[in-house]
Amino acid sequence: MNLFTESEDRRKKKGLTIKSMIRDIKGDEMPAIDVFSAAIKYMKDCLFKELKEENDENAEEAESIRWVLTVPAIWDDDAKQFMRKAAEKVFIHKHCI
């Protein structure tokens, strides 16, 4: 993943948006939203798996979890919206974020 090799000025101008692409070490690109969504989905799936394995009485109510995704204070509104959309993409509904 090639997120931090660009100059600071170029990163500020570029920003993180719904259309942002991430380049891997081989130079292949894919939408950043897919990468972030996959990471969020992994964490969500791990939580549900743990609840199920522990036979937690709250496991049945897991879909009603209110999720809190934090972002750096320096992120602009486009980047914050990006993270919101990434979460919505993995079925964390708007009213739960």
PDB file of N, CA and C in Angstrom:
ATOM      1  N   MET A   1       0.847  -1.159   0.000  1.00  0.00           N
ATOM      2  CA  MET A   1       0.000   0.000   0.000  1.00  0.00           C
ATOM      3  C   MET A   1       0.898   1.229   0.000  1.00  0.00           C
ATOM      4  N   ASN A   2       0.591   2.166  -0.823  1.00  0.00           N
ATOM      5  CA  ASN A   2       1.450   3.314  -1.033  1.00  0.00           C
ATOM      6  C   ASN A   2       0.764   4.598  -0.561  1.00  0.00           C
ATOM      7  N   LEU A   3       0.520   4.715   0.751  1.00  0.00           N
ATOM      8  CA  LEU A   3      -0.199   5.873   1.258  1.00  0.00           C
ATOM      9  C   LEU A   3       0.702   7.029   1.684  1.00  0.00           C
ATOM     10  N   PHE A   4       1.960   6.745   2.032  1.00  0.00           N
ATOM     11  CA  PHE A   4       2.767   7.780   2.650  1.00  0.00           C
ATOM     12  C   PHE A   4       4.050   8.127   1.897  1.00  0.00           C
ATOM     13  N   THR A   5       4.125   7.851   0.621  1.00  0.00           N
ATOM     14  CA  THR A   5       5.338   8.165  -0.109  1.00  0.00           C
ATOM     15  C   THR A   5       5.251   9.485  -0.861  1.00  0.00           C
ATOM     16  N   GLU A   6       4.054  10.038  -0.962  1.00  0.00           N
ATOM     17  CA  GLU A   6       3.894  11.302  -1.666  1.00  0.00           C
ATOM     18  C   GLU A   6       4.280  12.454  -0.750  1.00  0.00           C
ATOM     19  N   SER A   7       4.615  13.585  -1.343  1.00  0.00           N
ATOM     20  CA  SER A   7       4.962  14.749  -0.533  1.00  0.00           C
ATOM     21  C   SER A   7       3.745  15.234   0.238  1.00  0.00           C
ATOM     22  N   GLU A   8       3.983  15.917   1.349  1.00  0.00           N
ATOM     23  CA  GLU A   8       2.897  16.413   2.199  1.00  0.00           C
ATOM     24  C   GLU A   8       1.968  17.335   1.412  1.00  0.00           C
ATOM     25  N   ASP A   9       2.500  18.225   0.597  1.00  0.00           N
ATOM     26  CA  ASP A   9       1.671  19.154  -0.173  1.00  0.00           C
ATOM     27  C   ASP A   9       0.770  18.414  -1.149  1.00  0.00           C
ATOM     28  N   ARG A  10       1.304  17.421  -1.805  1.00  0.00           N
ATOM     29  CA  ARG A  10       0.504  16.679  -2.788  1.00  0.00           C
ATOM     30  C   ARG A  10      -0.622  15.913  -2.108  1.00  0.00           C
ATOM     31  N   ARG A  11      -0.350  15.322  -0.919  1.00  0.00           N
ATOM     32  CA  ARG A  11      -1.388  14.598  -0.189  1.00  0.00           C
ATOM     33  C   ARG A  11      -2.513  15.536   0.219  1.00  0.00           C
ATOM     34  N   LYS A  12      -2.165  16.727   0.676  1.00  0.00           N
ATOM     35  CA  LYS A  12      -3.189  17.679   1.099  1.00  0.00           C
ATOM     36  C   LYS A  12      -4.080  18.070  -0.071  1.00  0.00           C
ATOM     37  N   LYS A  13      -3.502  18.257  -1.226  1.00  0.00           N
ATOM     38  CA  LYS A  13      -4.278  18.643  -2.396  1.00  0.00           C
ATOM     39  C   LYS A  13      -5.147  17.479  -2.888  1.00  0.00           C
ATOM     40  N   LYS A  14      -4.631  16.282  -2.775  1.00  0.00           N
ATOM     41  CA  LYS A  14      -5.310  15.110  -3.301  1.00  0.00           C
ATOM     42  C   LYS A  14      -6.500  14.718  -2.424  1.00  0.00           C
ATOM     43  N   GLY A  15      -6.300  14.581  -1.132  1.00  0.00           N
ATOM     44  CA  GLY A  15      -7.371  14.230  -0.209  1.00  0.00           C
ATOM     45  C   GLY A  15      -7.899  12.822  -0.406  1.00  0.00           C
ATOM     46  N   LEU A  16      -8.718  12.402   0.533  1.00  0.00           N
ATOM     47  CA  LEU A  16      -9.329  11.087   0.484  1.00  0.00           C
ATOM     48  C   LEU A  16     -10.795  11.270   0.138  1.00  0.00           C
ATOM     49  N   THR A  17     -11.197  10.726  -1.002  1.00  0.00           N
ATOM     50  CA  THR A  17     -12.580  10.858  -1.450  1.00  0.00           C
ATOM     51  C   THR A  17     -13.097   9.490  -1.880  1.00  0.00           C
ATOM     52  N   ILE A  18     -14.364   9.451  -2.203  1.00  0.00           N
ATOM     53  CA  ILE A  18     -14.998   8.208  -2.647  1.00  0.00           C
ATOM     54  C   ILE A  18     -14.293   7.637  -3.881  1.00  0.00           C
ATOM     55  N   LYS A  19     -13.691   8.491  -4.672  1.00  0.00           N
ATOM     56  CA  LYS A  19     -13.032   8.054  -5.907  1.00  0.00           C
ATOM     57  C   LYS A  19     -11.549   7.739  -5.729  1.00  0.00           C
ATOM     58  N   SER A  20     -11.011   7.880  -4.512  1.00  0.00           N
ATOM     59  CA  SER A  20      -9.583   7.647  -4.271  1.00  0.00           C
ATOM     60  C   SER A  20      -9.193   6.206  -4.586  1.00  0.00           C
ATOM     61  N   MET A  21      -7.994   6.058  -5.093  1.00  0.00           N
ATOM     62  CA  MET A  21      -7.448   4.746  -5.423  1.00  0.00           C
ATOM     63  C   MET A  21      -6.225   4.497  -4.542  1.00  0.00           C
ATOM     64  N   ILE A  22      -5.975   3.227  -4.233  1.00  0.00           N
ATOM     65  CA  ILE A  22      -4.792   2.828  -3.471  1.00  0.00           C
ATOM     66  C   ILE A  22      -3.974   1.907  -4.358  1.00  0.00           C
ATOM     67  N   ARG A  23      -2.678   2.149  -4.386  1.00  0.00           N
ATOM     68  CA  ARG A  23      -1.762   1.353  -5.200  1.00  0.00           C
ATOM     69  C   ARG A  23      -0.988   0.409  -4.281  1.00  0.00           C
ATOM     70  N   ASP A  24      -0.928  -0.866  -4.645  1.00  0.00           N
ATOM     71  CA  ASP A  24      -0.164  -1.814  -3.845  1.00  0.00           C
ATOM     72  C   ASP A  24       1.302  -1.785  -4.258  1.00  0.00           C
ATOM     73  N   ILE A  25       2.084  -2.605  -3.628  1.00  0.00           N
ATOM     74  CA  ILE A  25       3.530  -2.619  -3.862  1.00  0.00           C
ATOM     75  C   ILE A  25       3.891  -3.004  -5.301  1.00  0.00           C
ATOM     76  N   LYS A  26       3.004  -3.750  -5.974  1.00  0.00           N
ATOM     77  CA  LYS A  26       3.242  -4.135  -7.365  1.00  0.00           C
ATOM     78  C   LYS A  26       2.805  -3.058  -8.351  1.00  0.00           C
ATOM     79  N   GLY A  27       2.117  -2.038  -7.837  1.00  0.00           N
ATOM     80  CA  GLY A  27       1.644  -0.979  -8.711  1.00  0.00           C
ATOM     81  C   GLY A  27       0.190  -1.139  -9.139  1.00  0.00           C
ATOM     82  N   ASP A  28      -0.451  -2.212  -8.709  1.00  0.00           N
ATOM     83  CA  ASP A  28      -1.866  -2.419  -9.034  1.00  0.00           C
ATOM     84  C   ASP A  28      -2.726  -1.494  -8.176  1.00  0.00           C
ATOM     85  N   GLU A  29      -3.765  -0.951  -8.775  1.00  0.00           N
ATOM     86  CA  GLU A  29      -4.644  -0.042  -8.054  1.00  0.00           C
ATOM     87  C   GLU A  29      -6.015  -0.660  -7.828  1.00  0.00           C
ATOM     88  N   MET A  30      -6.634  -0.227  -6.754  1.00  0.00           N
ATOM     89  CA  MET A  30      -8.022  -0.587  -6.485  1.00  0.00           C
ATOM     90  C   MET A  30      -8.652   0.544  -5.697  1.00  0.00           C
ATOM     91  N   PRO A  31      -9.972   0.632  -5.702  1.00  0.00           N
ATOM     92  CA  PRO A  31     -10.630   1.714  -4.977  1.00  0.00           C
ATOM     93  C   PRO A  31     -10.329   1.651  -3.480  1.00  0.00           C
ATOM     94  N   ALA A  32      -9.957   2.791  -2.918  1.00  0.00           N
ATOM     95  CA  ALA A  32      -9.645   2.866  -1.493  1.00  0.00           C
ATOM     96  C   ALA A  32     -10.856   2.480  -0.653  1.00  0.00           C
ATOM     97  N   ILE A  33     -12.038   2.819  -1.116  1.00  0.00           N
ATOM     98  CA  ILE A  33     -13.243   2.501  -0.350  1.00  0.00           C
ATOM     99  C   ILE A  33     -13.406   0.996  -0.175  1.00  0.00           C
ATOM    100  N   ASP A  34     -12.981   0.213  -1.165  1.00  0.00           N
ATOM    101  CA  ASP A  34     -13.047  -1.242  -1.048  1.00  0.00           C
ATOM    102  C   ASP A  34     -12.081  -1.751   0.021  1.00  0.00           C
ATOM    103  N   VAL A  35     -10.905  -1.144   0.095  1.00  0.00           N
ATOM    104  CA  VAL A  35      -9.906  -1.550   1.091  1.00  0.00           C
ATOM    105  C   VAL A  35     -10.393  -1.210   2.497  1.00  0.00           C
ATOM    106  N   PHE A  36     -10.878   0.016   2.681  1.00  0.00           N
ATOM    107  CA  PHE A  36     -11.368   0.427   3.994  1.00  0.00           C
ATOM    108  C   PHE A  36     -12.597  -0.383   4.391  1.00  0.00           C
ATOM    109  N   SER A  37     -13.493  -0.636   3.449  1.00  0.00           N
ATOM    110  CA  SER A  37     -14.686  -1.428   3.734  1.00  0.00           C
ATOM    111  C   SER A  37     -14.311  -2.846   4.151  1.00  0.00           C
ATOM    112  N   ALA A  38     -13.324  -3.422   3.491  1.00  0.00           N
ATOM    113  CA  ALA A  38     -12.878  -4.775   3.839  1.00  0.00           C
ATOM    114  C   ALA A  38     -12.314  -4.809   5.256  1.00  0.00           C
ATOM    115  N   ALA A  39     -11.582  -3.781   5.643  1.00  0.00           N
ATOM    116  CA  ALA A  39     -11.027  -3.724   7.000  1.00  0.00           C
ATOM    117  C   ALA A  39     -12.140  -3.597   8.038  1.00  0.00           C
ATOM    118  N   ILE A  40     -13.120  -2.755   7.764  1.00  0.00           N
ATOM    119  CA  ILE A  40     -14.253  -2.589   8.680  1.00  0.00           C
ATOM    120  C   ILE A  40     -15.051  -3.882   8.777  1.00  0.00           C
ATOM    121  N   LYS A  41     -15.279  -4.524   7.635  1.00  0.00           N
ATOM    122  CA  LYS A  41     -16.029  -5.790   7.620  1.00  0.00           C
ATOM    123  C   LYS A  41     -15.298  -6.857   8.424  1.00  0.00           C
ATOM    124  N   TYR A  42     -13.986  -6.904   8.308  1.00  0.00           N
ATOM    125  CA  TYR A  42     -13.202  -7.882   9.061  1.00  0.00           C
ATOM    126  C   TYR A  42     -13.399  -7.682  10.563  1.00  0.00           C
ATOM    127  N   MET A  43     -13.323  -6.440  11.021  1.00  0.00           N
ATOM    128  CA  MET A  43     -13.504  -6.160  12.450  1.00  0.00           C
ATOM    129  C   MET A  43     -14.924  -6.508  12.907  1.00  0.00           C
ATOM    130  N   LYS A  44     -15.897  -6.174  12.086  1.00  0.00           N
ATOM    131  CA  LYS A  44     -17.291  -6.485  12.407  1.00  0.00           C
ATOM    132  C   LYS A  44     -17.481  -7.998  12.497  1.00  0.00           C
ATOM    133  N   ASP A  45     -16.966  -8.735  11.515  1.00  0.00           N
ATOM    134  CA  ASP A  45     -17.097 -10.191  11.505  1.00  0.00           C
ATOM    135  C   ASP A  45     -16.394 -10.828  12.704  1.00  0.00           C
ATOM    136  N   CYS A  46     -15.239 -10.299  13.083  1.00  0.00           N
ATOM    137  CA  CYS A  46     -14.518 -10.825  14.252  1.00  0.00           C
ATOM    138  C   CYS A  46     -15.339 -10.641  15.523  1.00  0.00           C
ATOM    139  N   LEU A  47     -15.954  -9.485  15.674  1.00  0.00           N
ATOM    140  CA  LEU A  47     -16.788  -9.246  16.846  1.00  0.00           C
ATOM    141  C   LEU A  47     -17.942 -10.234  16.897  1.00  0.00           C
ATOM    142  N   PHE A  48     -18.660 -10.390  15.786  1.00  0.00           N
ATOM    143  CA  PHE A  48     -19.799 -11.302  15.759  1.00  0.00           C
ATOM    144  C   PHE A  48     -19.371 -12.744  16.026  1.00  0.00           C
ATOM    145  N   LYS A  49     -18.219 -13.122  15.494  1.00  0.00           N
ATOM    146  CA  LYS A  49     -17.698 -14.480  15.719  1.00  0.00           C
ATOM    147  C   LYS A  49     -17.413 -14.693  17.202  1.00  0.00           C
ATOM    148  N   GLU A  50     -16.774 -13.710  17.835  1.00  0.00           N
ATOM    149  CA  GLU A  50     -16.480 -13.813  19.265  1.00  0.00           C
ATOM    150  C   GLU A  50     -17.754 -13.909  20.092  1.00  0.00           C
ATOM    151  N   LEU A  51     -18.729 -13.094  19.774  1.00  0.00           N
ATOM    152  CA  LEU A  51     -19.995 -13.134  20.504  1.00  0.00           C
ATOM    153  C   LEU A  51     -20.654 -14.508  20.385  1.00  0.00           C
ATOM    154  N   LYS A  52     -20.604 -15.051  19.175  1.00  0.00           N
ATOM    155  CA  LYS A  52     -21.227 -16.350  18.942  1.00  0.00           C
ATOM    156  C   LYS A  52     -20.472 -17.460  19.684  1.00  0.00           C
ATOM    157  N   GLU A  53     -19.138 -17.420  19.635  1.00  0.00           N
ATOM    158  CA  GLU A  53     -18.330 -18.445  20.299  1.00  0.00           C
ATOM    159  C   GLU A  53     -18.502 -18.407  21.810  1.00  0.00           C
ATOM    160  N   GLU A  54     -18.696 -17.226  22.349  1.00  0.00           N
ATOM    161  CA  GLU A  54     -18.861 -17.081  23.790  1.00  0.00           C
ATOM    162  C   GLU A  54     -20.298 -17.336  24.232  1.00  0.00           C
ATOM    163  N   ASN A  55     -21.153 -17.624  23.266  1.00  0.00           N
ATOM    164  CA  ASN A  55     -22.578 -17.795  23.547  1.00  0.00           C
ATOM    165  C   ASN A  55     -23.118 -16.606  24.339  1.00  0.00           C
ATOM    166  N   ASP A  56     -22.652 -15.454  23.946  1.00  0.00           N
ATOM    167  CA  ASP A  56     -23.060 -14.215  24.610  1.00  0.00           C
ATOM    168  C   ASP A  56     -24.547 -13.989  24.398  1.00  0.00           C
ATOM    169  N   GLU A  57     -25.234 -13.672  25.461  1.00  0.00           N
ATOM    170  CA  GLU A  57     -26.681 -13.445  25.368  1.00  0.00           C
ATOM    171  C   GLU A  57     -27.027 -12.253  24.494  1.00  0.00           C
ATOM    172  N   ASN A  58     -26.059 -11.365  24.269  1.00  0.00           N
ATOM    173  CA  ASN A  58     -26.289 -10.191  23.425  1.00  0.00           C
ATOM    174  C   ASN A  58     -26.010 -10.460  21.950  1.00  0.00           C
ATOM    175  N   ALA A  59     -25.548 -11.655  21.627  1.00  0.00           N
ATOM    176  CA  ALA A  59     -25.195 -11.970  20.243  1.00  0.00           C
ATOM    177  C   ALA A  59     -26.386 -11.810  19.308  1.00  0.00           C
ATOM    178  N   GLU A  60     -27.581 -12.113  19.802  1.00  0.00           N
ATOM    179  CA  GLU A  60     -28.765 -11.995  18.963  1.00  0.00           C
ATOM    180  C   GLU A  60     -29.107 -10.539  18.661  1.00  0.00           C
ATOM    181  N   GLU A  61     -28.660  -9.629  19.533  1.00  0.00           N
ATOM    182  CA  GLU A  61     -28.938  -8.212  19.348  1.00  0.00           C
ATOM    183  C   GLU A  61     -27.767  -7.482  18.691  1.00  0.00           C
ATOM    184  N   ALA A  62     -26.826  -8.232  18.159  1.00  0.00           N
ATOM    185  CA  ALA A  62     -25.609  -7.636  17.611  1.00  0.00           C
ATOM    186  C   ALA A  62     -25.879  -6.640  16.492  1.00  0.00           C
ATOM    187  N   GLU A  63     -26.936  -6.855  15.742  1.00  0.00           N
ATOM    188  CA  GLU A  63     -27.248  -5.947  14.634  1.00  0.00           C
ATOM    189  C   GLU A  63     -27.686  -4.567  15.115  1.00  0.00           C
ATOM    190  N   SER A  64     -28.028  -4.453  16.379  1.00  0.00           N
ATOM    191  CA  SER A  64     -28.453  -3.155  16.905  1.00  0.00           C
ATOM    192  C   SER A  64     -27.291  -2.376  17.521  1.00  0.00           C
ATOM    193  N   ILE A  65     -26.075  -2.847  17.327  1.00  0.00           N
ATOM    194  CA  ILE A  65     -24.890  -2.165  17.860  1.00  0.00           C
ATOM    195  C   ILE A  65     -24.771  -0.782  17.239  1.00  0.00           C
ATOM    196  N   ARG A  66     -24.454   0.183  18.045  1.00  0.00           N
ATOM    197  CA  ARG A  66     -24.159   1.529  17.545  1.00  0.00           C
ATOM    198  C   ARG A  66     -22.647   1.628  17.420  1.00  0.00           C
ATOM    199  N   TRP A  67     -22.173   1.738  16.196  1.00  0.00           N
ATOM    200  CA  TRP A  67     -20.748   1.742  15.898  1.00  0.00           C
ATOM    201  C   TRP A  67     -20.190   3.160  15.956  1.00  0.00           C
ATOM    202  N   VAL A  68     -18.976   3.280  16.457  1.00  0.00           N
ATOM    203  CA  VAL A  68     -18.281   4.568  16.491  1.00  0.00           C
ATOM    204  C   VAL A  68     -16.966   4.394  15.740  1.00  0.00           C
ATOM    205  N   LEU A  69     -16.859   5.073  14.615  1.00  0.00           N
ATOM    206  CA  LEU A  69     -15.627   5.063  13.831  1.00  0.00           C
ATOM    207  C   LEU A  69     -14.942   6.402  14.028  1.00  0.00           C
ATOM    208  N   THR A  70     -13.752   6.368  14.548  1.00  0.00           N
ATOM    209  CA  THR A  70     -13.046   7.622  14.758  1.00  0.00           C
ATOM    210  C   THR A  70     -12.151   7.918  13.560  1.00  0.00           C
ATOM    211  N   VAL A  71     -11.970   9.185  13.300  1.00  0.00           N
ATOM    212  CA  VAL A  71     -11.091   9.636  12.223  1.00  0.00           C
ATOM    213  C   VAL A  71     -10.199  10.738  12.778  1.00  0.00           C
ATOM    214  N   PRO A  72      -9.031  10.915  12.199  1.00  0.00           N
ATOM    215  CA  PRO A  72      -8.152  11.991  12.665  1.00  0.00           C
ATOM    216  C   PRO A  72      -8.825  13.363  12.537  1.00  0.00           C
ATOM    217  N   ALA A  73      -8.572  14.220  13.496  1.00  0.00           N
ATOM    218  CA  ALA A  73      -9.173  15.554  13.502  1.00  0.00           C
ATOM    219  C   ALA A  73      -8.792  16.368  12.269  1.00  0.00           C
ATOM    220  N   ILE A  74      -7.668  16.076  11.663  1.00  0.00           N
ATOM    221  CA  ILE A  74      -7.223  16.858  10.505  1.00  0.00           C
ATOM    222  C   ILE A  74      -7.903  16.440   9.208  1.00  0.00           C
ATOM    223  N   TRP A  75      -8.685  15.356   9.230  1.00  0.00           N
ATOM    224  CA  TRP A  75      -9.384  14.928   8.019  1.00  0.00           C
ATOM    225  C   TRP A  75     -10.440  15.957   7.645  1.00  0.00           C
ATOM    226  N   ASP A  76     -10.571  16.209   6.353  1.00  0.00           N
ATOM    227  CA  ASP A  76     -11.605  17.133   5.885  1.00  0.00           C
ATOM    228  C   ASP A  76     -12.951  16.408   5.775  1.00  0.00           C
ATOM    229  N   ASP A  77     -13.982  17.159   5.437  1.00  0.00           N
ATOM    230  CA  ASP A  77     -15.328  16.580   5.373  1.00  0.00           C
ATOM    231  C   ASP A  77     -15.449  15.469   4.334  1.00  0.00           C
ATOM    232  N   ASP A  78     -14.737  15.597   3.217  1.00  0.00           N
ATOM    233  CA  ASP A  78     -14.770  14.534   2.190  1.00  0.00           C
ATOM    234  C   ASP A  78     -14.223  13.226   2.745  1.00  0.00           C
ATOM    235  N   ALA A  79     -13.139  13.316   3.514  1.00  0.00           N
ATOM    236  CA  ALA A  79     -12.538  12.115   4.083  1.00  0.00           C
ATOM    237  C   ALA A  79     -13.452  11.493   5.139  1.00  0.00           C
ATOM    238  N   LYS A  80     -14.098  12.332   5.922  1.00  0.00           N
ATOM    239  CA  LYS A  80     -15.038  11.819   6.926  1.00  0.00           C
ATOM    240  C   LYS A  80     -16.226  11.131   6.249  1.00  0.00           C
ATOM    241  N   GLN A  81     -16.713  11.717   5.182  1.00  0.00           N
ATOM    242  CA  GLN A  81     -17.813  11.120   4.420  1.00  0.00           C
ATOM    243  C   GLN A  81     -17.364   9.798   3.795  1.00  0.00           C
ATOM    244  N   PHE A  82     -16.127   9.750   3.339  1.00  0.00           N
ATOM    245  CA  PHE A  82     -15.547   8.527   2.786  1.00  0.00           C
ATOM    246  C   PHE A  82     -15.640   7.396   3.808  1.00  0.00           C
ATOM    247  N   MET A  83     -15.228   7.665   5.048  1.00  0.00           N
ATOM    248  CA  MET A  83     -15.243   6.636   6.080  1.00  0.00           C
ATOM    249  C   MET A  83     -16.679   6.202   6.392  1.00  0.00           C
ATOM    250  N   ARG A  84     -17.591   7.150   6.396  1.00  0.00           N
ATOM    251  CA  ARG A  84     -19.004   6.839   6.633  1.00  0.00           C
ATOM    252  C   ARG A  84     -19.522   5.904   5.536  1.00  0.00           C
ATOM    253  N   LYS A  85     -19.205   6.220   4.286  1.00  0.00           N
ATOM    254  CA  LYS A  85     -19.650   5.393   3.154  1.00  0.00           C
ATOM    255  C   LYS A  85     -19.007   4.006   3.196  1.00  0.00           C
ATOM    256  N   ALA A  86     -17.746   3.944   3.608  1.00  0.00           N
ATOM    257  CA  ALA A  86     -17.072   2.648   3.715  1.00  0.00           C
ATOM    258  C   ALA A  86     -17.784   1.766   4.735  1.00  0.00           C
ATOM    259  N   ALA A  87     -18.215   2.361   5.846  1.00  0.00           N
ATOM    260  CA  ALA A  87     -18.935   1.607   6.871  1.00  0.00           C
ATOM    261  C   ALA A  87     -20.306   1.173   6.360  1.00  0.00           C
ATOM    262  N   GLU A  88     -20.998   2.065   5.682  1.00  0.00           N
ATOM    263  CA  GLU A  88     -22.320   1.726   5.142  1.00  0.00           C
ATOM    264  C   GLU A  88     -22.230   0.596   4.128  1.00  0.00           C
ATOM    265  N   LYS A  89     -21.108   0.529   3.429  1.00  0.00           N
ATOM    266  CA  LYS A  89     -20.924  -0.495   2.401  1.00  0.00           C
ATOM    267  C   LYS A  89     -20.899  -1.909   2.994  1.00  0.00           C
ATOM    268  N   VAL A  90     -20.526  -2.026   4.270  1.00  0.00           N
ATOM    269  CA  VAL A  90     -20.479  -3.346   4.908  1.00  0.00           C
ATOM    270  C   VAL A  90     -21.669  -3.547   5.850  1.00  0.00           C
ATOM    271  N   PHE A  91     -22.768  -2.902   5.502  1.00  0.00           N
ATOM    272  CA  PHE A  91     -24.032  -3.087   6.198  1.00  0.00           C
ATOM    273  C   PHE A  91     -24.067  -2.536   7.606  1.00  0.00           C
ATOM    274  N   ILE A  92     -23.190  -1.599   7.913  1.00  0.00           N
ATOM    275  CA  ILE A  92     -23.339  -0.839   9.146  1.00  0.00           C
ATOM    276  C   ILE A  92     -24.186   0.351   8.738  1.00  0.00           C
ATOM    277  N   HIS A  93     -25.466   0.306   9.023  1.00  0.00           N
ATOM    278  CA  HIS A  93     -26.404   1.279   8.524  1.00  0.00           C
ATOM    279  C   HIS A  93     -26.183   2.666   9.119  1.00  0.00           C
ATOM    280  N   LYS A  94     -26.561   3.652   8.369  1.00  0.00           N
ATOM    281  CA  LYS A  94     -26.361   5.044   8.720  1.00  0.00           C
ATOM    282  C   LYS A  94     -26.823   5.358  10.145  1.00  0.00           C
ATOM    283  N   HIS A  95     -27.964   4.820  10.539  1.00  0.00           N
ATOM    284  CA  HIS A  95     -28.492   5.118  11.870  1.00  0.00           C
ATOM    285  C   HIS A  95     -27.692   4.441  12.988  1.00  0.00           C
ATOM    286  N   CYS A  96     -26.779   3.543  12.648  1.00  0.00           N
ATOM    287  CA  CYS A  96     -25.974   2.846  13.647  1.00  0.00           C
ATOM    288  C   CYS A  96     -24.567   3.411  13.776  1.00  0.00           C
ATOM    289  N   ILE A  97     -24.240   4.419  12.958  1.00  0.00           N
ATOM    290  CA  ILE A  97     -22.889   4.986  12.986  1.00  0.00           C
ATOM    291  C   ILE A  97     -22.904   6.286  13.756  1.00  0.00           C
TER     292      ILE A  97
END
